[in-house]
Amino acid sequence: MNIKSNTFSRVILRKKQRGVAAIEFSLGFMAFFLMCMTWAEIGYMAHISSVTDVAISEAAREAKLVSPSYDANGRLSSNSSNEFMTTFKNVITQESAQYGGLVDSNNYRFTIQYLKSIQDLGDYVGDCRGESDTSSELECGSSEASAIAVYAVEYDFEPMLSQFIAVPGMFRREVIVVQEYERDAFDF
């Protein structure tokens, strides 16, 4: 009787265990898949961050070398300020396009803040863009007699897993440069 009851209880136990491996696999696979997608999301964020870093450093380097045009009175012409922004924007767009098309150049916002002295730089608190300002380009101050410029780029980041992560991110980078054409106006 003992042998029959042992065999009978094993058969019942096996019937109760059916499908357990499939359930364990599906739960484990979901956890593994979520971990892999999180890893890919972090890699995507790191890629966008590094592309933005390279792009802003190259753009600031190129823009500060722009030679502005002067009018007959020796003053900067009205479109000289636009030359800096145009150069800045074009270089960032070109740099972003070189890295596999993962970065959408339409998600960039550009700001140039011109400062006249180191004291102005010390008083600088950040972006001159207002809360409600959604323009993609903004220049603050005058490029004339401004030896220092703060070039800033914001990138509106949308996560790959936007169905699960409802909060969009934003990367912001700033570079402080001495404008080459105004270097002699720079007072230490």
C-alpha atoms as a PDB file:
ATOM      1  CA  MET A   1       0.000   0.000   0.000  1.00  0.00           C
ATOM      2  CA  ASN A   2       2.876   2.247   0.747  1.00  0.00           C
ATOM      3  CA  ILE A   3       4.313   1.902  -2.754  1.00  0.00           C
ATOM      4  CA  LYS A   4       0.967   2.639  -4.389  1.00  0.00           C
ATOM      5  CA  SER A   5       0.317   5.750  -2.289  1.00  0.00           C
ATOM      6  CA  ASN A   6       3.840   7.079  -2.957  1.00  0.00           C
ATOM      7  CA  THR A   7       3.384   6.583  -6.702  1.00  0.00           C
ATOM      8  CA  PHE A   8      -0.068   8.107  -6.560  1.00  0.00           C
ATOM      9  CA  SER A   9       1.197  11.206  -4.694  1.00  0.00           C
ATOM     10  CA  ARG A  10       4.037  11.623  -7.218  1.00  0.00           C
ATOM     11  CA  VAL A  11       1.574  11.557 -10.103  1.00  0.00           C
ATOM     12  CA  ILE A  12      -0.605  14.185  -8.376  1.00  0.00           C
ATOM     13  CA  LEU A  13       2.466  16.319  -7.627  1.00  0.00           C
ATOM     14  CA  ARG A  14       3.552  16.142 -11.285  1.00  0.00           C
ATOM     15  CA  LYS A  15       0.120  17.218 -12.461  1.00  0.00           C
ATOM     16  CA  LYS A  16       0.242  20.196 -10.063  1.00  0.00           C
ATOM     17  CA  GLN A  17       3.720  21.162 -11.352  1.00  0.00           C
ATOM     18  CA  ARG A  18       2.712  21.302 -15.040  1.00  0.00           C
ATOM     19  CA  GLY A  19       3.200  24.771 -16.548  1.00  0.00           C
ATOM     20  CA  VAL A  20       5.318  26.063 -13.686  1.00  0.00           C
ATOM     21  CA  ALA A  21       8.445  26.161 -15.877  1.00  0.00           C
ATOM     22  CA  ALA A  22       6.609  28.184 -18.528  1.00  0.00           C
ATOM     23  CA  ILE A  23       5.403  30.692 -15.937  1.00  0.00           C
ATOM     24  CA  GLU A  24       8.861  30.996 -14.388  1.00  0.00           C
ATOM     25  CA  PHE A  25      10.401  31.470 -17.837  1.00  0.00           C
ATOM     26  CA  SER A  26       7.915  34.177 -18.828  1.00  0.00           C
ATOM     27  CA  LEU A  27       8.450  36.108 -15.584  1.00  0.00           C
ATOM     28  CA  GLY A  28      12.219  35.779 -15.834  1.00  0.00           C
ATOM     29  CA  PHE A  29      12.222  36.732 -19.512  1.00  0.00           C
ATOM     30  CA  MET A  30      10.128  39.847 -18.840  1.00  0.00           C
ATOM     31  CA  ALA A  31      12.544  40.962 -16.126  1.00  0.00           C
ATOM     32  CA  PHE A  32      15.524  40.291 -18.419  1.00  0.00           C
ATOM     33  CA  PHE A  33      13.858  42.110 -21.340  1.00  0.00           C
ATOM     34  CA  LEU A  34      13.078  45.134 -19.144  1.00  0.00           C
ATOM     35  CA  MET A  35      16.681  45.180 -17.917  1.00  0.00           C
ATOM     36  CA  CYS A  36      17.980  45.083 -21.534  1.00  0.00           C
ATOM     37  CA  MET A  37      15.633  47.872 -22.627  1.00  0.00           C
ATOM     38  CA  THR A  38      16.710  50.007 -19.661  1.00  0.00           C
ATOM     39  CA  TRP A  39      20.327  49.428 -20.634  1.00  0.00           C
ATOM     40  CA  ALA A  40      19.558  50.440 -24.243  1.00  0.00           C
ATOM     41  CA  GLU A  41      17.734  53.575 -23.013  1.00  0.00           C
ATOM     42  CA  ILE A  42      20.708  54.608 -20.879  1.00  0.00           C
ATOM     43  CA  GLY A  43      23.011  54.008 -23.852  1.00  0.00           C
ATOM     44  CA  TYR A  44      20.762  56.152 -26.067  1.00  0.00           C
ATOM     45  CA  MET A  45      20.810  58.963 -23.503  1.00  0.00           C
ATOM     46  CA  ALA A  46      24.603  58.739 -23.252  1.00  0.00           C
ATOM     47  CA  HIS A  47      24.876  58.864 -27.057  1.00  0.00           C
ATOM     48  CA  ILE A  48      22.718  61.986 -27.311  1.00  0.00           C
ATOM     49  CA  SER A  49      24.626  63.612 -24.461  1.00  0.00           C
ATOM     50  CA  SER A  50      28.008  62.944 -26.057  1.00  0.00           C
ATOM     51  CA  VAL A  51      26.838  64.075 -29.517  1.00  0.00           C
ATOM     52  CA  THR A  52      25.550  67.295 -27.966  1.00  0.00           C
ATOM     53  CA  ASP A  53      28.861  67.819 -26.133  1.00  0.00           C
ATOM     54  CA  VAL A  54      30.908  67.410 -29.308  1.00  0.00           C
ATOM     55  CA  ALA A  55      28.497  69.504 -31.357  1.00  0.00           C
ATOM     56  CA  ILE A  56      28.468  72.474 -28.969  1.00  0.00           C
ATOM     57  CA  SER A  57      32.243  72.523 -28.580  1.00  0.00           C
ATOM     58  CA  GLU A  58      32.740  72.471 -32.364  1.00  0.00           C
ATOM     59  CA  ALA A  59      29.977  75.023 -32.938  1.00  0.00           C
ATOM     60  CA  ALA A  60      31.321  77.438 -30.327  1.00  0.00           C
ATOM     61  CA  ARG A  61      34.822  77.089 -31.785  1.00  0.00           C
ATOM     62  CA  GLU A  62      33.557  77.863 -35.287  1.00  0.00           C
ATOM     63  CA  ALA A  63      31.212  80.687 -34.242  1.00  0.00           C
ATOM     64  CA  LYS A  64      33.800  82.546 -32.208  1.00  0.00           C
ATOM     65  CA  LEU A  65      36.077  82.663 -35.264  1.00  0.00           C
ATOM     66  CA  VAL A  66      33.449  84.400 -37.410  1.00  0.00           C
ATOM     67  CA  SER A  67      34.702  87.753 -38.624  1.00  0.00           C
ATOM     68  CA  PRO A  68      31.786  90.143 -38.376  1.00  0.00           C
ATOM     69  CA  SER A  69      31.188  92.782 -40.995  1.00  0.00           C
ATOM     70  CA  TYR A  70      31.503  96.461 -40.139  1.00  0.00           C
ATOM     71  CA  ASP A  71      29.708  99.452 -41.632  1.00  0.00           C
ATOM     72  CA  ALA A  72      31.337 102.689 -42.883  1.00  0.00           C
ATOM     73  CA  ASN A  73      31.448 104.123 -39.324  1.00  0.00           C
ATOM     74  CA  GLY A  74      33.441 101.187 -38.009  1.00  0.00           C
ATOM     75  CA  ARG A  75      30.468  99.715 -36.102  1.00  0.00           C
ATOM     76  CA  LEU A  76      29.217  96.176 -36.422  1.00  0.00           C
ATOM     77  CA  SER A  77      26.613  95.832 -39.125  1.00  0.00           C
ATOM     78  CA  SER A  78      23.129  94.752 -38.105  1.00  0.00           C
ATOM     79  CA  ASN A  79      23.436  91.278 -39.599  1.00  0.00           C
ATOM     80  CA  SER A  80      26.741  90.449 -37.861  1.00  0.00           C
ATOM     81  CA  SER A  81      24.935  89.192 -34.810  1.00  0.00           C
ATOM     82  CA  ASN A  82      22.968  86.816 -37.023  1.00  0.00           C
ATOM     83  CA  GLU A  83      26.226  85.479 -38.474  1.00  0.00           C
ATOM     84  CA  PHE A  84      27.186  84.042 -35.084  1.00  0.00           C
ATOM     85  CA  MET A  85      23.805  82.348 -34.599  1.00  0.00           C
ATOM     86  CA  THR A  86      23.717  81.051 -38.166  1.00  0.00           C
ATOM     87  CA  THR A  87      27.200  79.568 -37.887  1.00  0.00           C
ATOM     88  CA  PHE A  88      26.426  78.122 -34.438  1.00  0.00           C
ATOM     89  CA  LYS A  89      23.187  76.512 -35.631  1.00  0.00           C
ATOM     90  CA  ASN A  90      24.647  75.164 -38.886  1.00  0.00           C
ATOM     91  CA  VAL A  91      27.623  73.490 -37.215  1.00  0.00           C
ATOM     92  CA  ILE A  92      25.433  71.819 -34.575  1.00  0.00           C
ATOM     93  CA  THR A  93      23.048  70.558 -37.254  1.00  0.00           C
ATOM     94  CA  GLN A  94      25.947  69.185 -39.326  1.00  0.00           C
ATOM     95  CA  GLU A  95      27.629  67.574 -36.308  1.00  0.00           C
ATOM     96  CA  SER A  96      24.380  65.917 -35.216  1.00  0.00           C
ATOM     97  CA  ALA A  97      23.742  64.523 -38.694  1.00  0.00           C
ATOM     98  CA  GLN A  98      27.117  62.752 -38.702  1.00  0.00           C
ATOM     99  CA  TYR A  99      26.246  60.397 -35.851  1.00  0.00           C
ATOM    100  CA  GLY A 100      23.863  57.897 -37.351  1.00  0.00           C
ATOM    101  CA  GLY A 101      20.681  59.939 -37.532  1.00  0.00           C
ATOM    102  CA  LEU A 102      19.666  59.096 -33.978  1.00  0.00           C
ATOM    103  CA  VAL A 103      19.646  62.766 -32.994  1.00  0.00           C
ATOM    104  CA  ASP A 104      16.823  64.895 -34.400  1.00  0.00           C
ATOM    105  CA  SER A 105      18.166  68.360 -35.197  1.00  0.00           C
ATOM    106  CA  ASN A 106      14.641  69.799 -34.915  1.00  0.00           C
ATOM    107  CA  ASN A 107      14.742  69.174 -31.154  1.00  0.00           C
ATOM    108  CA  TYR A 108      17.555  71.680 -30.571  1.00  0.00           C
ATOM    109  CA  ARG A 109      17.133  75.172 -29.142  1.00  0.00           C
ATOM    110  CA  PHE A 110      20.017  77.638 -29.404  1.00  0.00           C
ATOM    111  CA  THR A 111      20.902  80.611 -27.223  1.00  0.00           C
ATOM    112  CA  ILE A 112      23.793  83.069 -27.358  1.00  0.00           C
ATOM    113  CA  GLN A 113      24.235  85.457 -24.434  1.00  0.00           C
ATOM    114  CA  TYR A 114      26.734  88.262 -25.052  1.00  0.00           C
ATOM    115  CA  LEU A 115      28.513  89.658 -21.984  1.00  0.00           C
ATOM    116  CA  LYS A 116      30.712  92.743 -21.835  1.00  0.00           C
ATOM    117  CA  SER A 117      32.873  91.959 -18.791  1.00  0.00           C
ATOM    118  CA  ILE A 118      33.893  89.390 -16.237  1.00  0.00           C
ATOM    119  CA  GLN A 119      31.552  91.091 -13.760  1.00  0.00           C
ATOM    120  CA  ASP A 120      28.675  90.401 -16.158  1.00  0.00           C
ATOM    121  CA  LEU A 121      29.804  86.788 -16.304  1.00  0.00           C
ATOM    122  CA  GLY A 122      29.790  86.672 -12.502  1.00  0.00           C
ATOM    123  CA  ASP A 123      26.224  88.006 -12.510  1.00  0.00           C
ATOM    124  CA  TYR A 124      25.158  85.520 -15.193  1.00  0.00           C
ATOM    125  CA  VAL A 125      22.440  83.269 -13.781  1.00  0.00           C
ATOM    126  CA  GLY A 126      21.675  81.141 -16.776  1.00  0.00           C
ATOM    127  CA  ASP A 127      19.497  81.261 -19.801  1.00  0.00           C
ATOM    128  CA  CYS A 128      17.982  84.571 -20.833  1.00  0.00           C
ATOM    129  CA  ARG A 129      15.052  82.632 -22.273  1.00  0.00           C
ATOM    130  CA  GLY A 130      11.788  83.231 -20.433  1.00  0.00           C
ATOM    131  CA  GLU A 131       9.527  80.429 -19.220  1.00  0.00           C
ATOM    132  CA  SER A 132       7.040  80.946 -22.051  1.00  0.00           C
ATOM    133  CA  ASP A 133       9.650  81.486 -24.784  1.00  0.00           C
ATOM    134  CA  THR A 134       9.635  78.486 -27.108  1.00  0.00           C
ATOM    135  CA  SER A 135      11.649  79.937 -29.996  1.00  0.00           C
ATOM    136  CA  SER A 136      14.403  77.752 -31.371  1.00  0.00           C
ATOM    137  CA  GLU A 137      16.935  80.604 -31.578  1.00  0.00           C
ATOM    138  CA  LEU A 138      17.566  83.440 -29.151  1.00  0.00           C
ATOM    139  CA  GLU A 139      20.352  86.006 -28.878  1.00  0.00           C
ATOM    140  CA  CYS A 140      20.576  88.126 -25.744  1.00  0.00           C
ATOM    141  CA  GLY A 141      22.630  91.276 -25.516  1.00  0.00           C
ATOM    142  CA  SER A 142      24.645  92.872 -28.275  1.00  0.00           C
ATOM    143  CA  SER A 143      27.633  91.275 -29.946  1.00  0.00           C
ATOM    144  CA  GLU A 144      29.233  94.696 -30.329  1.00  0.00           C
ATOM    145  CA  ALA A 145      31.968  95.297 -27.730  1.00  0.00           C
ATOM    146  CA  SER A 146      31.082  92.030 -26.009  1.00  0.00           C
ATOM    147  CA  ALA A 147      34.229  90.053 -25.460  1.00  0.00           C
ATOM    148  CA  ILE A 148      32.510  87.105 -23.785  1.00  0.00           C
ATOM    149  CA  ALA A 149      29.719  84.946 -25.174  1.00  0.00           C
ATOM    150  CA  VAL A 150      27.871  82.047 -23.609  1.00  0.00           C
ATOM    151  CA  TYR A 151      26.746  79.592 -26.276  1.00  0.00           C
ATOM    152  CA  ALA A 152      24.001  77.273 -25.039  1.00  0.00           C
ATOM    153  CA  VAL A 153      22.200  74.326 -26.588  1.00  0.00           C
ATOM    154  CA  GLU A 154      19.131  72.557 -25.255  1.00  0.00           C
ATOM    155  CA  TYR A 155      18.008  69.223 -26.670  1.00  0.00           C
ATOM    156  CA  ASP A 156      14.488  67.984 -25.983  1.00  0.00           C
ATOM    157  CA  PHE A 157      15.016  64.285 -25.415  1.00  0.00           C
ATOM    158  CA  GLU A 158      12.167  61.841 -25.937  1.00  0.00           C
ATOM    159  CA  PRO A 159      12.825  58.409 -24.429  1.00  0.00           C
ATOM    160  CA  MET A 160      12.648  55.329 -26.654  1.00  0.00           C
ATOM    161  CA  LEU A 161      10.278  53.786 -24.127  1.00  0.00           C
ATOM    162  CA  SER A 162       8.004  56.815 -24.138  1.00  0.00           C
ATOM    163  CA  GLN A 163       4.982  54.553 -23.676  1.00  0.00           C
ATOM    164  CA  PHE A 164       6.262  53.644 -20.221  1.00  0.00           C
ATOM    165  CA  ILE A 165       8.219  56.783 -19.316  1.00  0.00           C
ATOM    166  CA  ALA A 166       5.927  59.792 -19.570  1.00  0.00           C
ATOM    167  CA  VAL A 167       8.528  62.407 -18.603  1.00  0.00           C
ATOM    168  CA  PRO A 168      10.545  63.826 -21.518  1.00  0.00           C
ATOM    169  CA  GLY A 169      14.084  64.885 -20.728  1.00  0.00           C
ATOM    170  CA  MET A 170      16.199  67.824 -21.697  1.00  0.00           C
ATOM    171  CA  PHE A 171      19.935  68.069 -22.117  1.00  0.00           C
ATOM    172  CA  ARG A 172      21.477  71.514 -21.719  1.00  0.00           C
ATOM    173  CA  ARG A 173      25.068  72.404 -22.467  1.00  0.00           C
ATOM    174  CA  GLU A 174      26.796  75.777 -22.198  1.00  0.00           C
ATOM    175  CA  VAL A 175      30.195  76.915 -23.409  1.00  0.00           C
ATOM    176  CA  ILE A 176      31.766  80.209 -22.338  1.00  0.00           C
ATOM    177  CA  VAL A 177      34.091  81.675 -24.978  1.00  0.00           C
ATOM    178  CA  VAL A 178      36.089  84.801 -25.619  1.00  0.00           C
ATOM    179  CA  GLN A 179      34.999  86.195 -28.978  1.00  0.00           C
ATOM    180  CA  GLU A 180      38.106  86.396 -31.173  1.00  0.00           C
ATOM    181  CA  TYR A 181      37.105  89.601 -32.937  1.00  0.00           C
ATOM    182  CA  GLU A 182      36.651  91.365 -29.571  1.00  0.00           C
ATOM    183  CA  ARG A 183      39.700  89.887 -27.844  1.00  0.00           C
ATOM    184  CA  ASP A 184      41.405  93.279 -27.570  1.00  0.00           C
ATOM    185  CA  ALA A 185      38.304  94.648 -25.780  1.00  0.00           C
ATOM    186  CA  PHE A 186      38.607  91.957 -23.119  1.00  0.00           C
ATOM    187  CA  ASP A 187      39.665  93.574 -19.863  1.00  0.00           C
ATOM    188  CA  PHE A 188      41.045  91.367 -17.108  1.00  0.00           C
END
